[in-house]
Amino acid sequence: MRRAIALSEQGYPAPNPHVGCVIVLDGKVVGEGHHERAGAPHAEAVALTRAGRRAQGAEVYVTLEPCAHHGRTPPCADALVEARVRRVFVASEDPNPTAAGGVQRLREAGIEVQTGVLTADAEEANTVFLTAVRRRRVYVTLKAAITTDGYMAKPDGSSKWITTEKARERARLLRAEMGAVLVGWKTVVADDPSLTVRSKKVVNEPVRVIVDPGGRLTGEERAFGQEGRTVWLVSQGVKRHDRQTEADLHPCSLVSTLYEMGLVGVLVEGGPTTISRFAEAGVADRLELFTGTKTFGEGLPLRLPEGLELVPVQSRLVGGNVWSTFSPVPPGKKV
C-alpha cells in the first residue's frame, strides 16, 4: 500500500482524485499504475493492463475505493471482477456518492475486500479532492510571490519579475495540481496573463477563472483565447456577453459555485486585493509563498487579515528563491 500511495502522488488528475494501484501475485508485483490525468485510464485499469493474465488470483492494493460508475472511463470495480482478482485492499472509501459502491460490487462478486489500510497516509496524498467532496466546496490555495521586503508589486501595480524562471515554472505547476487558477480583472488588465501551465508534464490545462464584477474586460484578453476552459464571472445583473456567468462573487459563495461547476481545487493567484478577500473570508486552505531576492522599497504588500495564524508546513529552495507552504488558521479557530 505504501508503494500505491507513492504512485498516487504522481500525475495531474484534477478534478479527479489521485489514485495509485499495485497488483501482487505470489509475493511479486505484476502490475502497477496511477491516474495520470482526467480522461486517461484510472490507476486500476493501468495496473491491470500491465499485469495481464497474471491479475487472476492476485491481490490488489488501491489507495481509493474502485469506482462503480460509468464516467469518462468504465467502472474499475467491474474491471477487477472481470480480471478475477482474489483480494482487494483499499486505503480510503470514496466520499463521492456518484463513484462510490465499488467495495460492495467487489464483495457481491465474491472478492474479499479489506478497507482502512494506511488510510491517513493515502488521504494526505489526496487532500484536495477529498476535502472538496466532503465540504462540497473547492479547496482553496492562495499563491503569492513577494520581494524580500514583503511587496507583491510596485506602486504602479507592475510585478514582473519578482522570482526566477525556475520558481515561476514550479508555481505554474500548482495550477495543474489544483485544476483551476483564479485571478481578478485588475490582474488581467495589468499583466494580460495566459494563465496556462506551459509544461510537457501537463496535458490538461487548468480551468481559468476570472472574477470581473463589473464586466470591465472585453473577452479579447489572452486568457480567453487559450486552450481549455475559461470561466468569466460577473456580478448578478451585469451580464453583457454570452460568455459571462453571473454569480455571487463573495468568496464564501464562490467556493461552492466553483465546486458545482465541477472543480475541486483552485489556485488563487491574483493581486493583493483578490488574495486578501479570500483570506479574510476564512476559506483559504493553504498558502504557497514564493520569496524572491529583489527589494522594492515601496509598493503593494501582501495583505493578510489581522489574527490569521500561518502554521508552517514546509520550506524549500527553488531556483534560488524560498518556497514556503503554510496552513492558514483564521482567528478563533484551533490549530
Protein backbone atom coordinates (compact mmCIF):
# COMPACT_ATOMS: atom_id res chain seq x y z
CA MET A 1 0.00 0.00 0.00
CA ARG A 2 2.88 2.39 0.66
CA ARG A 3 4.01 1.82 -2.91
CA ALA A 4 0.47 2.53 -4.15
CA ILE A 5 0.40 5.77 -2.15
CA ALA A 6 3.72 6.86 -3.65
CA LEU A 7 2.34 6.17 -7.13
CA SER A 8 -0.83 8.15 -6.35
CA GLU A 9 1.22 11.30 -5.78
CA GLN A 10 2.18 11.37 -9.46
CA GLY A 11 0.24 12.98 -12.30
CA TYR A 12 -2.17 15.89 -12.54
CA PRO A 13 -5.63 14.26 -12.46
CA ALA A 14 -7.76 17.22 -11.27
CA PRO A 15 -10.71 17.37 -10.99
CA ASN A 16 -10.40 13.60 -10.49
CA PRO A 17 -8.72 12.09 -7.42
CA HIS A 18 -5.13 10.99 -7.07
CA VAL A 19 -5.10 7.17 -7.10
CA GLY A 20 -2.36 4.56 -7.10
CA CYS A 21 -2.71 0.82 -7.58
CA VAL A 22 -0.37 -2.17 -7.13
CA ILE A 23 -1.17 -5.77 -8.11
CA VAL A 24 0.73 -8.60 -6.38
CA LEU A 25 0.80 -12.29 -7.27
CA ASP A 26 2.74 -14.81 -5.17
CA GLY A 27 4.58 -12.01 -3.41
CA LYS A 28 5.72 -10.28 -6.59
CA VAL A 29 4.45 -7.05 -8.13
CA VAL A 30 2.97 -7.91 -11.53
CA GLY A 31 1.32 -4.59 -12.33
CA GLU A 32 1.07 -1.07 -11.01
CA GLY A 33 -0.16 2.33 -12.12
CA HIS A 34 -1.56 5.73 -11.22
CA HIS A 35 -4.21 8.06 -12.59
CA GLU A 36 -2.23 10.48 -14.75
CA ARG A 37 -4.93 12.93 -15.86
CA ALA A 38 -8.67 13.34 -16.24
CA GLY A 39 -9.79 11.37 -19.29
CA ALA A 40 -6.89 8.91 -19.06
CA PRO A 41 -7.26 5.33 -17.73
CA HIS A 42 -7.69 5.01 -13.98
CA ALA A 43 -4.95 3.55 -11.80
CA GLU A 44 -6.62 0.13 -11.59
CA ALA A 45 -7.00 -0.06 -15.38
CA VAL A 46 -3.34 0.81 -15.91
CA ALA A 47 -2.21 -1.79 -13.38
CA LEU A 48 -4.50 -4.48 -14.81
CA THR A 49 -3.24 -3.84 -18.33
CA ARG A 50 0.35 -4.24 -17.16
CA ALA A 51 -0.48 -7.37 -15.16
CA GLY A 52 -2.42 -9.04 -17.96
CA ARG A 53 -3.36 -12.66 -17.15
CA ARG A 54 -1.26 -12.54 -14.01
CA ALA A 55 -4.02 -10.47 -12.35
CA GLN A 56 -6.12 -13.63 -11.94
CA GLY A 57 -5.90 -14.76 -8.32
CA ALA A 58 -3.79 -11.73 -7.38
CA GLU A 59 -4.06 -9.24 -4.53
CA VAL A 60 -4.77 -5.61 -5.36
CA TYR A 61 -3.72 -2.60 -3.28
CA VAL A 62 -5.51 0.62 -4.21
CA THR A 63 -5.49 3.99 -2.43
CA LEU A 64 -9.13 4.89 -3.14
CA GLU A 65 -12.22 2.73 -3.47
CA PRO A 66 -12.54 1.50 -7.09
CA CYS A 67 -15.27 3.43 -8.88
CA ALA A 68 -18.57 1.72 -9.66
CA HIS A 69 -19.96 4.18 -12.19
CA HIS A 70 -19.59 4.91 -15.88
CA GLY A 71 -17.82 8.26 -16.28
CA ARG A 72 -15.19 9.07 -18.90
CA THR A 73 -13.97 5.50 -18.36
CA PRO A 74 -15.71 2.21 -17.44
CA PRO A 75 -16.11 1.18 -13.75
CA CYS A 76 -12.86 -0.04 -12.20
CA ALA A 77 -14.77 -2.34 -9.85
CA ASP A 78 -16.14 -4.24 -12.87
CA ALA A 79 -12.66 -4.46 -14.40
CA LEU A 80 -11.31 -6.04 -11.21
CA VAL A 81 -14.18 -8.53 -11.16
CA GLU A 82 -13.59 -9.47 -14.80
CA ALA A 83 -9.88 -9.92 -14.11
CA ARG A 84 -10.82 -12.42 -11.35
CA VAL A 85 -8.55 -10.95 -8.69
CA ARG A 86 -8.62 -12.72 -5.33
CA ARG A 87 -8.47 -9.94 -2.78
CA VAL A 88 -8.53 -6.12 -2.74
CA PHE A 89 -7.05 -3.85 -0.08
CA VAL A 90 -8.49 -0.31 -0.04
CA ALA A 91 -6.95 2.62 1.83
CA SER A 92 -9.86 5.07 1.67
CA GLU A 93 -13.51 4.72 0.71
CA ASP A 94 -14.76 7.21 -1.88
CA PRO A 95 -16.90 10.00 -0.33
CA ASN A 96 -18.30 10.89 -3.76
CA PRO A 97 -21.75 9.26 -3.91
CA THR A 98 -21.60 9.17 -7.71
CA ALA A 99 -18.49 7.00 -7.80
CA ALA A 100 -18.90 5.06 -4.53
CA GLY A 101 -20.13 1.48 -4.34
CA GLY A 102 -17.07 -0.28 -5.63
CA VAL A 103 -16.41 -2.14 -2.40
CA GLN A 104 -19.94 -3.51 -2.37
CA ARG A 105 -19.68 -4.52 -6.03
CA LEU A 106 -16.46 -6.46 -5.36
CA ARG A 107 -17.89 -8.24 -2.34
CA GLU A 108 -21.03 -9.18 -4.23
CA ALA A 109 -18.77 -10.83 -6.80
CA GLY A 110 -17.13 -12.93 -4.08
CA ILE A 111 -13.90 -10.93 -3.86
CA GLU A 112 -12.51 -10.40 -0.37
CA VAL A 113 -12.10 -6.71 0.45
CA GLN A 114 -10.26 -5.10 3.34
CA THR A 115 -10.69 -1.36 3.86
CA GLY A 116 -8.90 1.14 6.07
CA VAL A 117 -5.32 0.21 5.13
CA LEU A 118 -3.00 3.20 5.76
CA THR A 119 -6.00 5.49 5.37
CA ALA A 120 -4.39 8.63 6.84
CA ASP A 121 -1.33 8.40 4.59
CA ALA A 122 -3.42 7.79 1.48
CA GLU A 123 -5.79 10.65 2.25
CA GLU A 124 -2.92 13.09 2.82
CA ALA A 125 -1.81 12.44 -0.78
CA ASN A 126 -5.37 13.14 -1.94
CA THR A 127 -6.21 16.11 0.28
CA VAL A 128 -7.59 18.46 -2.38
CA PHE A 129 -10.14 16.02 -3.83
CA LEU A 130 -11.29 14.55 -0.52
CA THR A 131 -11.62 17.93 1.20
CA ALA A 132 -13.63 19.33 -1.69
CA VAL A 133 -16.06 16.41 -1.86
CA ARG A 134 -16.61 16.28 1.89
CA ARG A 135 -17.16 20.03 2.23
CA ARG A 136 -18.85 20.40 -1.14
CA ARG A 137 -16.67 23.40 -1.95
CA VAL A 138 -13.38 23.82 -3.76
CA TYR A 139 -10.10 23.51 -1.89
CA VAL A 140 -8.53 26.99 -1.93
CA THR A 141 -4.79 27.52 -2.26
CA LEU A 142 -3.52 31.09 -2.15
CA LYS A 143 -0.32 31.71 -4.11
CA ALA A 144 1.78 34.84 -3.89
CA ALA A 145 5.25 35.98 -4.90
CA ILE A 146 6.81 38.66 -2.72
CA THR A 147 10.04 40.62 -2.50
CA THR A 148 12.38 40.35 0.46
CA ASP A 149 10.63 43.39 1.94
CA GLY A 150 7.15 41.89 1.50
CA TYR A 151 5.78 43.56 -1.64
CA MET A 152 3.78 41.81 -4.36
CA ALA A 153 4.05 44.68 -6.84
CA LYS A 154 5.46 48.15 -7.36
CA PRO A 155 3.27 51.20 -6.57
CA ASP A 156 2.01 51.24 -10.18
CA GLY A 157 0.92 47.58 -9.92
CA SER A 158 3.70 46.10 -12.06
CA SER A 159 5.38 42.98 -10.70
CA LYS A 160 7.47 41.33 -13.44
CA TRP A 161 9.56 39.54 -12.34
CA ILE A 162 9.87 39.05 -8.57
CA THR A 163 11.01 35.41 -8.73
CA THR A 164 13.28 33.39 -11.01
CA GLU A 165 12.08 31.38 -14.01
CA LYS A 166 12.61 28.11 -12.10
CA ALA A 167 10.39 29.34 -9.29
CA ARG A 168 7.75 30.53 -11.74
CA GLU A 169 7.76 27.15 -13.51
CA ARG A 170 7.09 25.40 -10.21
CA ALA A 171 4.39 27.91 -9.32
CA ARG A 172 2.62 27.25 -12.64
CA LEU A 173 2.53 23.54 -11.85
CA LEU A 174 0.41 24.42 -8.83
CA ARG A 175 -2.27 25.48 -11.32
CA ALA A 176 -2.34 21.94 -12.70
CA GLU A 177 -2.32 20.41 -9.23
CA MET A 178 -5.39 22.42 -8.24
CA GLY A 179 -7.06 22.04 -11.64
CA ALA A 180 -8.07 25.71 -11.78
CA VAL A 181 -6.49 29.14 -11.40
CA LEU A 182 -8.36 32.30 -10.33
CA VAL A 183 -7.44 35.96 -10.78
CA GLY A 184 -9.26 39.24 -10.60
CA TRP A 185 -9.88 41.59 -13.52
CA LYS A 186 -7.14 44.01 -12.39
CA THR A 187 -4.51 41.29 -12.85
CA VAL A 188 -5.80 40.62 -16.36
CA VAL A 189 -5.61 44.32 -17.23
CA ALA A 190 -2.18 44.82 -15.67
CA ASP A 191 -0.40 41.66 -16.89
CA ASP A 192 -2.63 40.16 -19.64
CA PRO A 193 -1.58 36.65 -18.48
CA SER A 194 -2.29 33.44 -20.38
CA LEU A 195 -2.91 31.57 -17.08
CA THR A 196 -1.63 28.30 -18.57
CA VAL A 197 0.96 25.82 -17.24
CA ARG A 198 3.19 25.51 -20.30
CA SER A 199 4.80 22.24 -19.24
CA LYS A 200 5.35 18.93 -21.05
CA LYS A 201 4.24 17.24 -17.82
CA VAL A 202 0.72 18.62 -18.14
CA VAL A 203 -1.78 17.64 -20.84
CA ASN A 204 -4.95 19.21 -19.44
CA GLU A 205 -4.58 22.95 -18.96
CA PRO A 206 -6.28 24.21 -15.77
CA VAL A 207 -9.63 25.94 -15.88
CA ARG A 208 -9.11 29.71 -15.85
CA VAL A 209 -11.49 31.58 -13.53
CA ILE A 210 -11.60 35.34 -14.00
CA VAL A 211 -13.53 37.42 -11.47
CA ASP A 212 -14.75 40.59 -13.17
CA PRO A 213 -17.58 42.04 -11.02
CA GLY A 214 -18.39 44.99 -13.28
CA GLY A 215 -17.81 43.22 -16.58
CA ARG A 216 -14.94 45.58 -17.44
CA LEU A 217 -12.98 43.10 -19.59
CA THR A 218 -13.58 42.72 -23.33
CA GLY A 219 -13.13 38.97 -23.72
CA GLU A 220 -10.25 39.60 -26.13
CA GLU A 221 -7.57 39.32 -23.45
CA ARG A 222 -5.02 36.47 -23.72
CA ALA A 223 -6.59 34.31 -21.02
CA PHE A 224 -9.79 33.98 -23.04
CA GLY A 225 -8.00 32.65 -26.13
CA GLN A 226 -6.03 29.78 -24.59
CA GLU A 227 -6.61 26.05 -24.87
CA GLY A 228 -9.12 24.72 -22.37
CA ARG A 229 -11.94 26.30 -20.41
CA THR A 230 -12.26 29.87 -19.14
CA VAL A 231 -14.95 30.84 -16.64
CA TRP A 232 -15.72 34.58 -16.79
CA LEU A 233 -17.61 35.57 -13.65
CA VAL A 234 -19.50 38.85 -13.27
CA SER A 235 -21.82 40.17 -10.56
CA GLN A 236 -25.50 39.39 -10.81
CA GLY A 237 -27.30 41.80 -13.12
CA VAL A 238 -24.13 42.75 -15.01
CA LYS A 239 -24.03 40.15 -17.80
CA ARG A 240 -23.42 41.74 -21.20
CA HIS A 241 -21.74 38.87 -23.04
CA ASP A 242 -22.78 35.26 -23.74
CA ARG A 243 -19.50 34.01 -22.31
CA GLN A 244 -20.07 35.68 -18.95
CA THR A 245 -21.60 33.86 -15.97
CA GLU A 246 -23.46 35.78 -13.28
CA ALA A 247 -22.70 34.72 -9.70
CA ASP A 248 -22.45 35.82 -6.10
CA LEU A 249 -18.76 36.73 -6.05
CA HIS A 250 -18.23 36.74 -2.29
CA PRO A 251 -15.55 34.10 -1.63
CA CYS A 252 -17.82 32.14 0.74
CA SER A 253 -20.34 31.69 -2.07
CA LEU A 254 -17.79 31.42 -4.84
CA VAL A 255 -16.10 28.32 -3.40
CA SER A 256 -19.42 26.45 -3.54
CA THR A 257 -20.27 27.79 -7.00
CA LEU A 258 -16.96 26.59 -8.42
CA TYR A 259 -17.49 23.14 -6.89
CA GLU A 260 -20.91 22.96 -8.55
CA MET A 261 -19.13 23.75 -11.84
CA GLY A 262 -17.13 20.55 -11.44
CA LEU A 263 -13.95 21.93 -9.88
CA VAL A 264 -12.30 20.50 -6.74
CA GLY A 265 -9.41 22.92 -6.25
CA VAL A 266 -8.49 26.46 -7.22
CA LEU A 267 -5.22 28.37 -7.08
CA VAL A 268 -5.97 31.97 -6.20
CA GLU A 269 -3.06 33.97 -7.58
CA GLY A 270 -4.48 37.39 -8.32
CA GLY A 271 -3.24 40.64 -6.84
CA PRO A 272 -3.21 41.72 -3.18
CA THR A 273 -6.92 42.58 -3.18
CA THR A 274 -8.13 39.22 -4.51
CA ILE A 275 -5.88 37.23 -2.21
CA SER A 276 -6.85 39.26 0.86
CA ARG A 277 -10.57 38.80 0.13
CA PHE A 278 -10.25 35.01 0.22
CA ALA A 279 -8.06 35.12 3.32
CA GLU A 280 -10.45 37.47 5.13
CA ALA A 281 -13.42 35.23 4.26
CA GLY A 282 -11.73 32.34 6.06
CA VAL A 283 -11.90 29.97 3.09
CA ALA A 284 -8.16 29.62 2.41
CA ASP A 285 -6.90 26.08 2.99
CA ARG A 286 -3.27 26.63 2.05
CA LEU A 287 -0.82 29.44 1.29
CA GLU A 288 2.06 28.94 -1.14
CA LEU A 289 4.51 31.82 -0.76
CA PHE A 290 7.46 32.39 -3.11
CA THR A 291 10.02 34.92 -1.84
CA GLY A 292 12.41 36.39 -4.40
CA THR A 293 15.67 38.21 -3.86
CA LYS A 294 14.53 41.62 -5.12
CA THR A 295 13.70 44.61 -2.93
CA PHE A 296 11.16 47.25 -3.99
CA GLY A 297 11.33 49.61 -1.01
CA GLU A 298 7.68 50.55 -1.58
CA GLY A 299 4.69 49.13 -3.35
CA LEU A 300 1.66 46.89 -2.85
CA PRO A 301 2.17 44.46 0.05
CA LEU A 302 0.69 41.05 0.65
CA ARG A 303 -2.23 41.83 2.94
CA LEU A 304 -3.48 39.12 5.27
CA PRO A 305 -6.14 39.68 7.95
CA GLU A 306 -5.02 40.53 11.46
CA GLY A 307 -5.10 37.48 13.71
CA LEU A 308 -4.70 34.98 10.85
CA GLU A 309 -2.19 32.39 12.02
CA LEU A 310 0.10 30.83 9.42
CA VAL A 311 1.19 27.37 10.52
CA PRO A 312 4.41 26.39 8.68
CA VAL A 313 4.15 23.15 6.70
CA GLN A 314 7.42 23.11 4.79
CA SER A 315 10.01 25.39 3.21
CA ARG A 316 12.48 24.69 0.40
CA LEU A 317 14.66 26.41 -2.18
CA VAL A 318 13.60 26.53 -5.82
CA GLY A 319 15.60 28.43 -8.42
CA GLY A 320 17.38 30.42 -5.73
CA ASN A 321 14.09 31.57 -4.18
CA VAL A 322 12.40 30.40 -0.99
CA TRP A 323 9.13 28.48 -1.45
CA SER A 324 7.16 28.22 1.79
CA THR A 325 3.89 26.40 2.42
CA PHE A 326 1.58 27.43 5.26
CA SER A 327 -1.72 26.27 6.65
CA PRO A 328 -3.82 29.40 7.41
CA VAL A 329 -5.81 29.30 10.65
CA PRO A 330 -8.48 32.03 10.98
CA PRO A 331 -8.83 33.88 14.30
CA GLY A 332 -10.69 31.83 16.90
CA LYS A 333 -10.11 28.52 15.13
CA LYS A 334 -7.94 25.97 16.90
CA VAL A 335 -4.88 24.54 15.17
